[in-house]
Amino acid sequence: MGKVTAEDRPAFGEKINRVKEKVESGIKEFEKKISDKAVYEKINASYCDVTLPGKFHEIGHRHPISSTIAEIVEIFG
């Protein structure tokens, strides 16, 4: 700006500011696209098909005291 004449400085400054704003908005758009792509890839990587049947968890065993009582009842009952 040192070489620009005094009467041209305001117009030159406005043009520079417009270019700066366009560059900044372009960078923001690019960052948003990158962010959106990263989120999309993360969602696809952690995809879970909710229509699949659930995992079957076996129920535990009888308590040892309950088994002993059942044996005693079977023997004496």
C-alpha atoms as a PDB file:
ATOM      1  CA  MET A   1       0.000   0.000   0.000  1.00  0.00           C
ATOM      2  CA  GLY A   2       3.015   2.282   0.299  1.00  0.00           C
ATOM      3  CA  LYS A   3       3.211   2.733  -3.474  1.00  0.00           C
ATOM      4  CA  VAL A   4      -0.504   3.503  -3.909  1.00  0.00           C
ATOM      5  CA  THR A   5      -1.392   7.182  -4.172  1.00  0.00           C
ATOM      6  CA  ALA A   6      -3.379   8.809  -1.376  1.00  0.00           C
ATOM      7  CA  GLU A   7      -6.525   9.237  -3.500  1.00  0.00           C
ATOM      8  CA  ASP A   8      -6.459   5.571  -4.634  1.00  0.00           C
ATOM      9  CA  ARG A   9      -5.894   4.090  -1.169  1.00  0.00           C
ATOM     10  CA  PRO A  10      -9.566   3.909  -0.061  1.00  0.00           C
ATOM     11  CA  ALA A  11     -10.632   2.090  -3.240  1.00  0.00           C
ATOM     12  CA  PHE A  12      -7.568  -0.138  -3.105  1.00  0.00           C
ATOM     13  CA  GLY A  13      -8.261  -0.949   0.561  1.00  0.00           C
ATOM     14  CA  GLU A  14     -11.869  -1.880  -0.236  1.00  0.00           C
ATOM     15  CA  LYS A  15     -10.772  -4.217  -3.025  1.00  0.00           C
ATOM     16  CA  ILE A  16      -8.171  -5.837  -0.789  1.00  0.00           C
ATOM     17  CA  ASN A  17     -10.794  -6.337   1.947  1.00  0.00           C
ATOM     18  CA  ARG A  18     -13.224  -7.932  -0.527  1.00  0.00           C
ATOM     19  CA  VAL A  19     -10.517 -10.323  -1.724  1.00  0.00           C
ATOM     20  CA  LYS A  20      -9.617 -11.124   1.890  1.00  0.00           C
ATOM     21  CA  GLU A  21     -13.276 -11.864   2.729  1.00  0.00           C
ATOM     22  CA  LYS A  22     -13.632 -14.145  -0.316  1.00  0.00           C
ATOM     23  CA  VAL A  23     -10.481 -16.048   0.611  1.00  0.00           C
ATOM     24  CA  GLU A  24     -11.619 -16.421   4.236  1.00  0.00           C
ATOM     25  CA  SER A  25     -15.093 -17.612   3.195  1.00  0.00           C
ATOM     26  CA  GLY A  26     -13.523 -20.105   0.773  1.00  0.00           C
ATOM     27  CA  ILE A  27     -11.322 -21.459   3.546  1.00  0.00           C
ATOM     28  CA  LYS A  28     -14.327 -21.770   5.883  1.00  0.00           C
ATOM     29  CA  GLU A  29     -16.319 -23.647   3.223  1.00  0.00           C
ATOM     30  CA  PHE A  30     -13.402 -25.993   2.627  1.00  0.00           C
ATOM     31  CA  GLU A  31     -13.026 -26.633   6.379  1.00  0.00           C
ATOM     32  CA  LYS A  32     -16.772 -27.362   6.616  1.00  0.00           C
ATOM     33  CA  LYS A  33     -16.586 -29.837   3.719  1.00  0.00           C
ATOM     34  CA  ILE A  34     -13.648 -31.598   5.343  1.00  0.00           C
ATOM     35  CA  SER A  35     -15.473 -31.692   8.684  1.00  0.00           C
ATOM     36  CA  ASP A  36     -18.683 -32.998   7.079  1.00  0.00           C
ATOM     37  CA  LYS A  37     -16.728 -35.690   5.241  1.00  0.00           C
ATOM     38  CA  ALA A  38     -14.983 -36.766   8.447  1.00  0.00           C
ATOM     39  CA  VAL A  39     -18.309 -37.005  10.296  1.00  0.00           C
ATOM     40  CA  TYR A  40     -19.868 -38.980   7.419  1.00  0.00           C
ATOM     41  CA  GLU A  41     -16.942 -41.421   7.369  1.00  0.00           C
ATOM     42  CA  LYS A  42     -17.109 -41.829  11.153  1.00  0.00           C
ATOM     43  CA  ILE A  43     -20.831 -42.592  10.990  1.00  0.00           C
ATOM     44  CA  ASN A  44     -20.326 -45.155   8.224  1.00  0.00           C
ATOM     45  CA  ALA A  45     -17.459 -46.796  10.095  1.00  0.00           C
ATOM     46  CA  SER A  46     -19.594 -47.286  13.188  1.00  0.00           C
ATOM     47  CA  TYR A  47     -22.706 -48.445  11.317  1.00  0.00           C
ATOM     48  CA  CYS A  48     -24.802 -50.968  13.204  1.00  0.00           C
ATOM     49  CA  ASP A  49     -27.581 -52.887  11.449  1.00  0.00           C
ATOM     50  CA  VAL A  50     -30.495 -52.633  13.871  1.00  0.00           C
ATOM     51  CA  THR A  51     -32.448 -55.305  11.984  1.00  0.00           C
ATOM     52  CA  LEU A  52     -30.028 -58.059  13.012  1.00  0.00           C
ATOM     53  CA  PRO A  53     -31.078 -60.268  15.918  1.00  0.00           C
ATOM     54  CA  GLY A  54     -29.535 -59.399  19.256  1.00  0.00           C
ATOM     55  CA  LYS A  55     -26.805 -61.353  20.958  1.00  0.00           C
ATOM     56  CA  PHE A  56     -28.051 -64.208  23.105  1.00  0.00           C
ATOM     57  CA  HIS A  57     -26.736 -64.168  26.637  1.00  0.00           C
ATOM     58  CA  GLU A  58     -27.022 -67.444  28.443  1.00  0.00           C
ATOM     59  CA  ILE A  59     -28.662 -67.302  31.817  1.00  0.00           C
ATOM     60  CA  GLY A  60     -26.433 -68.362  34.697  1.00  0.00           C
ATOM     61  CA  HIS A  61     -26.528 -71.607  36.665  1.00  0.00           C
ATOM     62  CA  ARG A  62     -28.544 -72.655  39.676  1.00  0.00           C
ATOM     63  CA  HIS A  63     -27.228 -71.566  43.021  1.00  0.00           C
ATOM     64  CA  PRO A  64     -25.319 -74.379  44.783  1.00  0.00           C
ATOM     65  CA  ILE A  65     -27.694 -74.287  47.785  1.00  0.00           C
ATOM     66  CA  SER A  66     -30.726 -74.573  45.483  1.00  0.00           C
ATOM     67  CA  SER A  67     -29.108 -77.567  43.751  1.00  0.00           C
ATOM     68  CA  THR A  68     -28.373 -79.207  47.116  1.00  0.00           C
ATOM     69  CA  ILE A  69     -31.936 -78.676  48.368  1.00  0.00           C
ATOM     70  CA  ALA A  70     -33.314 -80.109  45.114  1.00  0.00           C
ATOM     71  CA  GLU A  71     -31.073 -83.184  45.527  1.00  0.00           C
ATOM     72  CA  ILE A  72     -32.198 -83.677  49.144  1.00  0.00           C
ATOM     73  CA  VAL A  73     -35.859 -83.372  48.172  1.00  0.00           C
ATOM     74  CA  GLU A  74     -35.296 -85.881  45.356  1.00  0.00           C
ATOM     75  CA  ILE A  75     -33.628 -88.362  47.706  1.00  0.00           C
ATOM     76  CA  PHE A  76     -36.029 -88.061  50.654  1.00  0.00           C
ATOM     77  CA  GLY A  77     -39.068 -86.809  48.839  1.00  0.00           C
END
